[in-house]
Amino acid sequence: MAGREGTRRVILSVDLAARRLGLRPGTPVAKAQALHPDLVIMDADPDGDRAGLERLALWFQHRIAPIVAPDPPDGIVLDTTGADHLHGGEAIMLENMITRLKESGITARAAIADTWGAAHALARYDRGRITIVPPGEMAAVIADLPIEALRLPVDIIDGLHGLGVSRIGPLAGMPRAPLALRFGPDVARRLDQAFGRQAEAIVPVRLQAPVQVSRNFAEPISAAETIARYITKLVPPLCAGLEEREQGVRRLDLLLHRVDSRTEAVRVATAMPVRDVRRLTRLLCDRIETIDPGFGIERMVLTASLAEPILHRQGVSALIEEEEADVSDLIDTLANRVGTQALYRFAPVESDVPERAVCRVPALAPEEAREWPDHWPRPTRLLPRPEPIQTMAVLPDHPPVFFIWRGIRRRIRCADGPERMFGEWWKGDAELTTVRDYFRVEDTSGETFWVYRTGDGEHGETGSQGWFLHGLFE
């Protein structure tokens, strides 16, 4: 990408192939073209890039955490405090984020640290694809990073290199007065922000006009009872605003602005659109214990970050049928305590391969038209992974005479099968000739098992001919 810096037209960003040719941001375009005549140069679009970052930040805000902002020119910054448990923890959350971006054609790296400055530096200059810095270890981790990670202007970076300083650790140990005299206040400010000595507020990106209510306090508050009291005062006007739009909240964000310029965030989610005052108040109050008020909270902002229309259903007559029990309140309570990833139900998938014939869906996901297959019996318990067994079969199409599983020898009394399953050839070449023969077997103690052989028992290209136990009938 090329653009203008003053009167010069210079390269602003390069891909990996151009970097291998020795090209760097700041190189004049004329020089780059003279060295490499076949070089492909595209005009930069800063406004388009900025708009794309804002859209990406909104996408993260809907799915990950309430406090999200663009980190130009190529990043997103999130404050995931109070929201990471909803995604299975920090490591799983980062892995899911990077995977979703990769599926969209975006290669990304992610880092979690105590400060915005440290996370910015690690995401761009650490070698790992995912970096998670434990609390209190940030200073040691970023000390060896290059000074370019501090978000300093190019002229200051060049000046520090002229002094022989290339790493953050040695720079942090230098006297502040000479640095400020020569380079101004930026060096000390960026160091303090990276090491957490100076607060750096993240101003979250917002969709246009969400339903939002706020409360300012003349005196900072910090007691849990006081926070709960003001939550009960904020929820009713929020629900009134949702009622005017005929909407219910699916995701509710409570931002608590502290006197030290830090922001605490509480996010609760609901399985269905809700605008019940008591229910939303209880969900928020259950999360008060996760709030660190610091030296006090001076402002509270409650935002319906995700709202959806509420579909009004006609009441069911007691003369026709009983109305279904509403368990959405219980599901919301459990999901906000243990995380949405830990609360699910199983749904059938159109596949003959047993481990692919089931998937996890949200607890209140609408019922689909698919039904569980009933042409062959299926075990009530399917093992997470098929476990190998030692066995012997008289003929290729006969069930085993006995099998040894987990050190216990079991003699077969009766059996049913085989049920032959073929690989799904459209998923990969490896499944073009794959075959499994399943048997339902009962041992002499009356226990029933689901076992299979990989292959047809005769041709090696159909499988290894090994035997596995895949499920139990209970």
Protein backbone atom coordinates (compact mmCIF):
# COMPACT_ATOMS: atom_id res chain seq x y z
CA MET A 1 0.00 0.00 0.00
CA ALA A 2 1.25 3.46 -0.87
CA GLY A 3 0.18 6.93 0.26
CA ARG A 4 1.49 10.41 0.89
CA GLU A 5 3.60 11.67 3.77
CA GLY A 6 3.80 15.38 3.20
CA THR A 7 4.87 15.86 -0.40
CA ARG A 8 6.42 12.40 -0.78
CA ARG A 9 4.66 9.26 -1.97
CA VAL A 10 5.90 6.41 0.22
CA ILE A 11 5.04 2.82 1.03
CA LEU A 12 2.74 2.58 4.05
CA SER A 13 2.43 -1.20 4.41
CA VAL A 14 3.93 -4.30 2.80
CA ASP A 15 3.05 -7.97 2.62
CA LEU A 16 5.40 -10.83 3.47
CA ALA A 17 6.72 -11.20 -0.11
CA ALA A 18 7.62 -7.50 -0.30
CA ARG A 19 9.26 -7.63 3.12
CA ARG A 20 11.46 -10.48 1.94
CA LEU A 21 12.60 -8.22 -0.90
CA GLY A 22 13.82 -5.70 1.68
CA LEU A 23 10.97 -3.20 1.36
CA ARG A 24 9.75 -1.47 4.51
CA PRO A 25 7.10 1.14 5.37
CA GLY A 26 8.52 4.59 4.67
CA THR A 27 10.43 3.56 1.53
CA PRO A 28 9.80 6.05 -1.34
CA VAL A 29 7.63 4.54 -4.06
CA ALA A 30 10.02 5.71 -6.79
CA LYS A 31 12.91 3.87 -5.16
CA ALA A 32 10.85 0.69 -4.70
CA GLN A 33 9.76 0.71 -8.36
CA ALA A 34 13.31 1.30 -9.51
CA LEU A 35 14.56 -1.69 -7.53
CA HIS A 36 11.63 -3.95 -8.46
CA PRO A 37 9.90 -2.88 -11.70
CA ASP A 38 7.26 -5.63 -11.47
CA LEU A 39 6.19 -4.57 -7.98
CA VAL A 40 2.40 -4.32 -7.51
CA ILE A 41 1.51 -1.10 -5.66
CA MET A 42 -2.00 -0.26 -4.51
CA ASP A 43 -3.22 3.08 -3.22
CA ALA A 44 -3.95 3.15 0.49
CA ASP A 45 -7.46 3.89 1.71
CA PRO A 46 -7.09 5.15 5.30
CA ASP A 47 -10.76 6.09 5.60
CA GLY A 48 -11.84 2.66 4.37
CA ASP A 49 -9.41 0.94 6.74
CA ARG A 50 -10.70 2.97 9.66
CA ALA A 51 -14.31 2.14 8.79
CA GLY A 52 -13.40 -1.55 8.49
CA LEU A 53 -11.77 -1.51 11.93
CA GLU A 54 -14.90 0.07 13.42
CA ARG A 55 -17.12 -2.59 11.85
CA LEU A 56 -14.82 -5.30 13.17
CA ALA A 57 -14.90 -3.69 16.62
CA LEU A 58 -18.70 -3.74 16.57
CA TRP A 59 -18.62 -7.41 15.59
CA PHE A 60 -16.38 -8.18 18.59
CA GLN A 61 -18.58 -6.07 20.86
CA HIS A 62 -21.66 -8.10 19.94
CA ARG A 63 -19.95 -11.43 20.50
CA ILE A 64 -17.11 -11.06 23.00
CA ALA A 65 -17.12 -8.08 25.42
CA PRO A 66 -18.86 -4.72 25.92
CA ILE A 67 -15.71 -2.54 25.93
CA VAL A 68 -14.19 -2.70 22.43
CA ALA A 69 -12.46 0.00 20.41
CA PRO A 70 -10.34 0.23 17.24
CA ASP A 71 -6.58 0.24 17.82
CA PRO A 72 -5.34 1.85 14.56
CA PRO A 73 -3.89 1.13 12.17
CA ASP A 74 -4.35 -2.63 12.32
CA GLY A 75 -5.79 -3.72 15.65
CA ILE A 76 -8.72 -4.02 18.01
CA VAL A 77 -8.50 -3.52 21.78
CA LEU A 78 -10.95 -5.23 24.17
CA ASP A 79 -11.46 -5.11 27.91
CA THR A 80 -12.70 -8.65 28.58
CA THR A 81 -12.87 -8.31 32.37
CA GLY A 82 -16.11 -9.91 33.51
CA ALA A 83 -16.91 -11.40 30.08
CA ASP A 84 -14.24 -14.06 29.46
CA HIS A 85 -16.07 -16.64 31.61
CA LEU A 86 -18.95 -16.54 29.13
CA HIS A 87 -16.60 -17.93 26.46
CA GLY A 88 -14.94 -20.73 28.42
CA GLY A 89 -11.97 -18.76 29.75
CA GLU A 90 -9.28 -16.53 28.28
CA ALA A 91 -7.43 -19.14 26.21
CA ILE A 92 -10.57 -20.59 24.61
CA MET A 93 -11.91 -17.10 23.97
CA LEU A 94 -8.75 -16.00 22.13
CA GLU A 95 -8.59 -19.22 20.13
CA ASN A 96 -12.21 -18.80 19.02
CA MET A 97 -11.60 -15.17 18.06
CA ILE A 98 -8.58 -16.02 15.90
CA THR A 99 -10.37 -18.98 14.31
CA ARG A 100 -13.40 -16.88 13.39
CA LEU A 101 -11.16 -14.23 11.84
CA LYS A 102 -9.23 -16.87 9.91
CA GLU A 103 -12.48 -18.23 8.50
CA SER A 104 -13.15 -14.70 7.20
CA GLY A 105 -9.72 -14.50 5.55
CA ILE A 106 -8.03 -12.43 8.27
CA THR A 107 -4.79 -13.62 9.85
CA ALA A 108 -4.56 -12.36 13.43
CA ARG A 109 -2.60 -12.68 16.66
CA ALA A 110 -3.98 -11.96 20.11
CA ALA A 111 -2.63 -11.14 23.56
CA ILE A 112 -4.05 -10.56 27.03
CA ALA A 113 -2.18 -8.35 29.49
CA ASP A 114 -2.88 -5.98 32.36
CA THR A 115 -2.71 -2.84 30.18
CA TRP A 116 -3.70 -1.72 26.71
CA GLY A 117 -0.11 -0.77 25.90
CA ALA A 118 1.30 -4.16 26.90
CA ALA A 119 -1.39 -6.11 25.03
CA HIS A 120 -0.78 -3.91 21.95
CA ALA A 121 2.94 -4.66 22.07
CA LEU A 122 2.62 -8.41 22.64
CA ALA A 123 0.00 -8.93 19.93
CA ARG A 124 2.31 -7.35 17.34
CA TYR A 125 5.84 -8.23 18.45
CA ASP A 126 5.63 -11.42 20.50
CA ARG A 127 6.40 -14.64 18.65
CA GLY A 128 3.35 -16.56 19.82
CA ARG A 129 0.02 -16.59 18.01
CA ILE A 130 -1.70 -16.33 21.40
CA THR A 131 -0.09 -14.73 24.44
CA ILE A 132 -1.61 -14.60 27.92
CA VAL A 133 0.42 -12.78 30.57
CA PRO A 134 -0.42 -13.73 34.18
CA PRO A 135 -1.13 -10.77 36.51
CA GLY A 136 2.03 -9.24 37.91
CA GLU A 137 4.40 -10.66 35.26
CA MET A 138 3.83 -8.03 32.59
CA ALA A 139 6.98 -5.95 33.18
CA ALA A 140 9.32 -8.90 32.71
CA VAL A 141 7.51 -10.10 29.58
CA ILE A 142 7.56 -6.83 27.63
CA ALA A 143 11.07 -5.75 28.68
CA ASP A 144 12.68 -7.59 25.76
CA LEU A 145 10.28 -6.30 23.10
CA PRO A 146 11.50 -3.69 20.57
CA ILE A 147 10.78 -0.03 21.26
CA GLU A 148 8.56 0.05 18.15
CA ALA A 149 5.97 -1.73 20.31
CA LEU A 150 5.44 1.42 22.42
CA ARG A 151 3.31 3.26 19.81
CA LEU A 152 5.89 6.06 19.51
CA PRO A 153 6.24 8.31 16.44
CA VAL A 154 8.75 7.26 13.79
CA ASP A 155 11.08 10.22 14.45
CA ILE A 156 11.34 9.31 18.15
CA ILE A 157 12.03 5.66 17.27
CA ASP A 158 14.81 6.75 14.90
CA GLY A 159 16.26 9.03 17.57
CA LEU A 160 16.30 6.28 20.18
CA HIS A 161 17.98 3.91 17.73
CA GLY A 162 20.59 6.60 17.20
CA LEU A 163 21.30 6.43 20.93
CA GLY A 164 21.70 2.66 20.73
CA VAL A 165 18.40 1.87 22.48
CA SER A 166 16.35 -0.83 20.78
CA ARG A 167 14.51 -2.64 23.62
CA ILE A 168 11.85 -1.54 26.10
CA GLY A 169 13.73 -2.80 29.17
CA PRO A 170 16.85 -0.63 28.74
CA LEU A 171 14.67 2.33 27.74
CA ALA A 172 12.58 1.99 30.92
CA GLY A 173 15.76 2.09 33.02
CA MET A 174 17.03 5.37 31.55
CA PRO A 175 16.61 8.69 33.44
CA ARG A 176 13.37 10.42 32.53
CA ALA A 177 14.60 14.05 32.48
CA PRO A 178 17.10 13.70 29.57
CA LEU A 179 14.55 11.71 27.58
CA ALA A 180 11.85 14.33 28.11
CA LEU A 181 14.28 17.12 27.22
CA ARG A 182 15.25 15.50 23.93
CA PHE A 183 12.07 13.69 22.82
CA GLY A 184 9.26 15.36 24.75
CA PRO A 185 6.72 13.72 27.09
CA ASP A 186 5.65 10.89 24.72
CA VAL A 187 8.34 8.40 25.78
CA ALA A 188 7.52 8.60 29.49
CA ARG A 189 3.78 8.57 28.81
CA ARG A 190 3.90 5.43 26.66
CA LEU A 191 6.17 3.66 29.16
CA ASP A 192 3.83 4.51 32.03
CA GLN A 193 0.81 3.33 30.04
CA ALA A 194 2.49 0.05 29.09
CA PHE A 195 3.61 -0.69 32.67
CA GLY A 196 0.28 0.35 34.20
CA ARG A 197 1.52 3.45 36.01
CA GLN A 198 -0.83 5.69 34.00
CA ALA A 199 -4.42 4.79 33.18
CA GLU A 200 -5.53 4.66 29.55
CA ALA A 201 -9.28 4.69 29.04
CA ILE A 202 -10.84 2.61 26.26
CA VAL A 203 -13.74 4.49 24.68
CA PRO A 204 -15.99 1.69 23.37
CA VAL A 205 -17.38 1.84 19.88
CA ARG A 206 -21.15 2.05 19.76
CA LEU A 207 -23.93 1.30 17.32
CA GLN A 208 -26.22 4.15 16.55
CA ALA A 209 -28.61 4.97 19.37
CA PRO A 210 -28.85 1.84 21.55
CA VAL A 211 -31.26 1.94 24.48
CA GLN A 212 -29.12 3.33 27.27
CA VAL A 213 -29.56 4.88 30.71
CA SER A 214 -26.92 6.34 33.01
CA ARG A 215 -26.48 7.79 36.49
CA ASN A 216 -23.79 10.19 37.76
CA PHE A 217 -22.91 10.39 41.45
CA ALA A 218 -21.92 13.49 43.37
CA GLU A 219 -19.92 11.25 45.73
CA PRO A 220 -18.26 8.02 44.53
CA ILE A 221 -19.94 4.79 45.61
CA SER A 222 -18.28 1.46 46.34
CA ALA A 223 -20.49 -0.68 48.62
CA ALA A 224 -22.18 -3.68 46.99
CA GLU A 225 -25.53 -2.72 48.53
CA THR A 226 -25.32 0.77 47.05
CA ILE A 227 -24.43 -0.58 43.60
CA ALA A 228 -27.39 -2.96 43.81
CA ARG A 229 -29.72 -0.13 44.80
CA TYR A 230 -28.77 1.95 41.78
CA ILE A 231 -29.07 -1.06 39.47
CA THR A 232 -32.71 -1.33 40.58
CA LYS A 233 -33.13 2.33 39.59
CA LEU A 234 -31.51 1.97 36.17
CA VAL A 235 -33.29 -1.16 34.93
CA PRO A 236 -36.91 0.18 34.88
CA PRO A 237 -36.21 3.14 32.53
CA LEU A 238 -34.17 0.83 30.30
CA CYS A 239 -37.09 -1.59 30.05
CA ALA A 240 -39.42 1.33 29.33
CA GLY A 241 -37.20 2.35 26.41
CA LEU A 242 -37.21 -1.22 25.12
CA GLU A 243 -40.99 -1.34 25.39
CA GLU A 244 -41.30 1.76 23.21
CA ARG A 245 -39.34 -0.06 20.50
CA GLU A 246 -41.20 -3.35 21.13
CA GLN A 247 -37.87 -5.01 21.83
CA GLY A 248 -36.33 -7.22 24.45
CA VAL A 249 -32.71 -7.35 25.53
CA ARG A 250 -30.47 -10.29 24.60
CA ARG A 251 -27.24 -8.78 25.93
CA LEU A 252 -27.02 -6.19 28.70
CA ASP A 253 -23.86 -4.26 29.55
CA LEU A 254 -23.29 -2.37 32.80
CA LEU A 255 -20.27 -0.05 32.67
CA LEU A 256 -19.04 1.38 35.96
CA HIS A 257 -16.65 4.31 35.54
CA ARG A 258 -14.24 4.59 38.46
CA VAL A 259 -12.61 7.76 39.76
CA ASP A 260 -9.17 6.52 38.60
CA SER A 261 -10.33 6.53 34.93
CA ARG A 262 -10.71 2.75 34.81
CA THR A 263 -13.93 1.07 33.78
CA GLU A 264 -15.48 -2.06 35.26
CA ALA A 265 -17.83 -4.02 33.01
CA VAL A 266 -20.58 -6.51 33.75
CA ARG A 267 -22.23 -8.36 30.88
CA VAL A 268 -25.27 -10.61 31.16
CA ALA A 269 -26.92 -12.48 28.33
CA THR A 270 -30.37 -13.97 27.91
CA ALA A 271 -31.49 -16.92 25.81
CA MET A 272 -34.54 -15.03 24.55
CA PRO A 273 -35.45 -11.31 24.26
CA VAL A 274 -36.40 -10.09 27.75
CA ARG A 275 -37.59 -6.81 29.25
CA ASP A 276 -38.78 -8.04 32.63
CA VAL A 277 -37.50 -5.60 35.29
CA ARG A 278 -37.15 -8.08 38.15
CA ARG A 279 -35.44 -10.69 36.01
CA LEU A 280 -32.84 -8.34 34.54
CA THR A 281 -32.20 -6.75 37.93
CA ARG A 282 -31.53 -10.12 39.50
CA LEU A 283 -29.14 -11.16 36.70
CA LEU A 284 -27.12 -7.96 37.13
CA CYS A 285 -27.09 -8.11 40.93
CA ASP A 286 -25.81 -11.69 40.81
CA ARG A 287 -22.66 -10.32 39.14
CA ILE A 288 -21.91 -7.54 41.65
CA GLU A 289 -19.31 -9.70 43.40
CA THR A 290 -17.14 -9.53 40.24
CA ILE A 291 -16.95 -5.71 40.38
CA ASP A 292 -13.82 -4.04 41.74
CA PRO A 293 -14.94 -0.49 42.71
CA GLY A 294 -11.38 0.68 43.44
CA PHE A 295 -11.50 4.11 45.09
CA GLY A 296 -15.12 4.54 44.07
CA ILE A 297 -17.52 4.60 41.12
CA GLU A 298 -18.61 7.98 39.83
CA ARG A 299 -20.84 6.95 36.92
CA MET A 300 -22.95 3.94 35.92
CA VAL A 301 -24.12 3.30 32.36
CA LEU A 302 -26.56 0.52 31.49
CA THR A 303 -26.82 -0.34 27.79
CA ALA A 304 -28.92 -2.83 25.85
CA SER A 305 -26.03 -3.74 23.53
CA LEU A 306 -28.10 -6.39 21.74
CA ALA A 307 -31.86 -6.10 21.49
CA GLU A 308 -34.33 -8.03 19.38
CA PRO A 309 -38.07 -7.71 18.71
CA ILE A 310 -40.32 -9.54 21.14
CA LEU A 311 -42.78 -11.79 19.36
CA HIS A 312 -46.11 -11.66 21.16
CA ARG A 313 -47.86 -15.03 21.35
CA GLN A 314 -51.57 -15.51 21.79
CA GLY A 315 -52.41 -17.05 25.16
CA VAL A 316 -53.22 -20.76 25.14
CA SER A 317 -56.68 -21.71 26.30
CA ALA A 318 -56.78 -24.03 29.27
CA LEU A 319 -59.62 -25.94 27.52
CA ILE A 320 -57.35 -26.89 24.63
CA GLU A 321 -53.94 -27.69 26.10
CA GLU A 322 -51.70 -26.74 28.93
CA GLU A 323 -49.28 -23.89 28.41
CA GLU A 324 -45.63 -24.95 28.22
CA ALA A 325 -43.45 -24.17 31.21
CA ASP A 326 -41.08 -21.22 30.72
CA VAL A 327 -37.59 -22.29 31.75
CA SER A 328 -35.77 -19.38 30.09
CA ASP A 329 -35.31 -17.63 33.45
CA LEU A 330 -33.54 -20.66 34.90
CA ILE A 331 -31.38 -21.01 31.78
CA ASP A 332 -30.36 -17.34 31.91
CA THR A 333 -29.37 -17.66 35.57
CA LEU A 334 -27.27 -20.77 34.97
CA ALA A 335 -25.67 -19.43 31.77
CA ASN A 336 -24.50 -16.23 33.43
CA ARG A 337 -22.97 -18.22 36.29
CA VAL A 338 -21.26 -21.08 34.47
CA GLY A 339 -20.94 -19.60 30.97
CA THR A 340 -23.02 -20.03 27.84
CA GLN A 341 -20.58 -22.63 26.51
CA ALA A 342 -21.40 -24.97 29.42
CA LEU A 343 -25.17 -24.92 28.84
CA TYR A 344 -26.46 -26.68 25.74
CA ARG A 345 -28.60 -29.50 24.41
CA PHE A 346 -28.04 -32.08 21.70
CA ALA A 347 -29.67 -31.96 18.28
CA PRO A 348 -29.57 -34.48 15.41
CA VAL A 349 -27.44 -33.92 12.31
CA GLU A 350 -27.98 -35.64 8.96
CA SER A 351 -25.00 -38.00 8.95
CA ASP A 352 -24.53 -41.76 9.04
CA VAL A 353 -21.23 -41.45 10.91
CA PRO A 354 -22.25 -41.70 14.60
CA GLU A 355 -19.86 -39.07 15.99
CA ARG A 356 -21.11 -36.59 13.37
CA ALA A 357 -24.81 -37.35 13.82
CA VAL A 358 -25.15 -35.08 16.85
CA CYS A 359 -24.24 -31.46 17.60
CA ARG A 360 -24.51 -29.03 20.48
CA VAL A 361 -27.02 -26.19 20.17
CA PRO A 362 -28.09 -23.45 22.62
CA ALA A 363 -30.46 -24.63 25.29
CA LEU A 364 -33.45 -22.71 23.86
CA ALA A 365 -32.61 -23.04 20.17
CA PRO A 366 -35.74 -23.67 18.07
CA GLU A 367 -36.60 -27.26 17.29
CA GLU A 368 -35.67 -28.41 13.79
CA ALA A 369 -37.49 -30.82 11.53
CA ARG A 370 -34.71 -33.42 11.72
CA GLU A 371 -35.40 -36.53 13.79
CA TRP A 372 -33.16 -39.11 15.38
CA PRO A 373 -32.71 -42.21 13.18
CA ASP A 374 -34.74 -45.17 14.39
CA HIS A 375 -34.11 -47.82 11.72
CA TRP A 376 -31.28 -49.27 13.84
CA PRO A 377 -30.97 -49.13 17.64
CA ARG A 378 -28.44 -46.64 18.96
CA PRO A 379 -26.59 -46.75 22.31
CA THR A 380 -27.75 -44.49 25.10
CA ARG A 381 -24.14 -43.58 25.83
CA LEU A 382 -21.69 -42.82 23.02
CA LEU A 383 -18.03 -42.70 24.09
CA PRO A 384 -16.20 -39.42 23.38
CA ARG A 385 -13.77 -41.42 21.24
CA PRO A 386 -13.96 -45.06 20.13
CA GLU A 387 -11.70 -47.19 22.33
CA PRO A 388 -9.66 -50.08 20.84
CA ILE A 389 -10.50 -53.59 22.00
CA GLN A 390 -8.87 -57.01 21.57
CA THR A 391 -11.19 -59.54 20.01
CA MET A 392 -11.60 -62.42 17.59
CA ALA A 393 -14.24 -63.07 14.93
CA VAL A 394 -14.71 -66.42 13.16
CA LEU A 395 -15.63 -64.95 9.75
CA PRO A 396 -15.45 -61.40 8.30
CA ASP A 397 -19.22 -60.88 8.53
CA HIS A 398 -19.58 -62.53 11.95
CA PRO A 399 -19.61 -60.77 15.32
CA PRO A 400 -16.71 -61.30 17.74
CA VAL A 401 -16.67 -64.35 19.99
CA PHE A 402 -15.19 -62.33 22.88
CA PHE A 403 -13.48 -58.99 23.45
CA ILE A 404 -11.14 -57.46 26.02
CA TRP A 405 -11.90 -53.88 27.02
CA ARG A 406 -10.06 -51.97 29.75
CA GLY A 407 -8.39 -55.19 30.91
CA ILE A 408 -11.64 -57.16 31.33
CA ARG A 409 -12.41 -60.14 29.10
CA ARG A 410 -16.08 -60.42 28.08
CA ARG A 411 -17.57 -63.43 26.35
CA ILE A 412 -20.31 -62.71 23.80
CA ARG A 413 -23.64 -64.49 24.37
CA CYS A 414 -25.62 -63.00 21.48
CA ALA A 415 -25.15 -60.36 18.81
CA ASP A 416 -26.96 -58.45 16.07
CA GLY A 417 -25.36 -57.10 12.90
CA PRO A 418 -23.43 -56.15 10.94
CA GLU A 419 -24.68 -52.63 10.15
CA ARG A 420 -22.33 -51.32 7.47
CA MET A 421 -21.48 -47.63 7.36
CA PHE A 422 -19.48 -45.97 4.62
CA GLY A 423 -17.31 -42.86 4.84
CA GLU A 424 -18.65 -39.53 3.66
CA TRP A 425 -16.63 -39.23 0.45
CA TRP A 426 -17.54 -35.57 -0.03
CA LYS A 427 -15.62 -34.61 3.11
CA GLY A 428 -12.23 -35.89 1.98
CA ASP A 429 -10.36 -38.39 -0.17
CA ALA A 430 -9.48 -40.47 2.90
CA GLU A 431 -13.14 -41.47 3.25
CA LEU A 432 -13.67 -42.64 -0.34
CA THR A 433 -13.14 -46.31 0.59
CA THR A 434 -13.65 -46.19 4.38
CA VAL A 435 -16.00 -48.84 5.80
CA ARG A 436 -17.22 -49.68 9.31
CA ASP A 437 -19.17 -52.78 10.36
CA TYR A 438 -21.13 -52.21 13.59
CA PHE A 439 -22.43 -54.99 15.88
CA ARG A 440 -24.70 -54.87 18.89
CA VAL A 441 -23.35 -57.50 21.28
CA GLU A 442 -24.42 -58.78 24.71
CA ASP A 443 -22.01 -60.47 27.10
CA THR A 444 -22.74 -63.25 29.55
CA SER A 445 -23.42 -60.76 32.37
CA GLY A 446 -26.23 -59.09 30.40
CA GLU A 447 -24.43 -55.87 29.45
CA THR A 448 -24.89 -54.65 25.86
CA PHE A 449 -22.20 -52.90 23.83
CA TRP A 450 -21.82 -51.27 20.42
CA VAL A 451 -18.62 -52.39 18.69
CA TYR A 452 -17.32 -52.01 15.17
CA ARG A 453 -14.53 -53.13 12.88
CA THR A 454 -12.75 -50.60 10.66
CA GLY A 455 -12.86 -52.19 7.23
CA ASP A 456 -14.87 -54.96 5.58
CA GLY A 457 -12.69 -57.74 7.00
CA GLU A 458 -11.13 -58.60 3.64
CA HIS A 459 -9.69 -55.57 1.81
CA GLY A 460 -6.97 -53.51 3.42
CA GLU A 461 -7.89 -50.29 1.60
CA THR A 462 -11.23 -50.17 3.45
CA GLY A 463 -9.64 -49.83 6.89
CA SER A 464 -7.15 -51.22 9.40
CA GLN A 465 -9.48 -54.15 10.29
CA GLY A 466 -9.07 -53.21 13.96
CA TRP A 467 -11.95 -53.46 16.45
CA PHE A 468 -13.29 -50.64 18.62
CA LEU A 469 -15.96 -50.13 21.25
CA HIS A 470 -18.05 -47.05 20.49
CA GLY A 471 -21.04 -47.08 22.83
CA LEU A 472 -23.00 -48.75 25.63
CA PHE A 473 -26.70 -49.61 25.87
CA GLU A 474 -27.86 -48.82 29.39
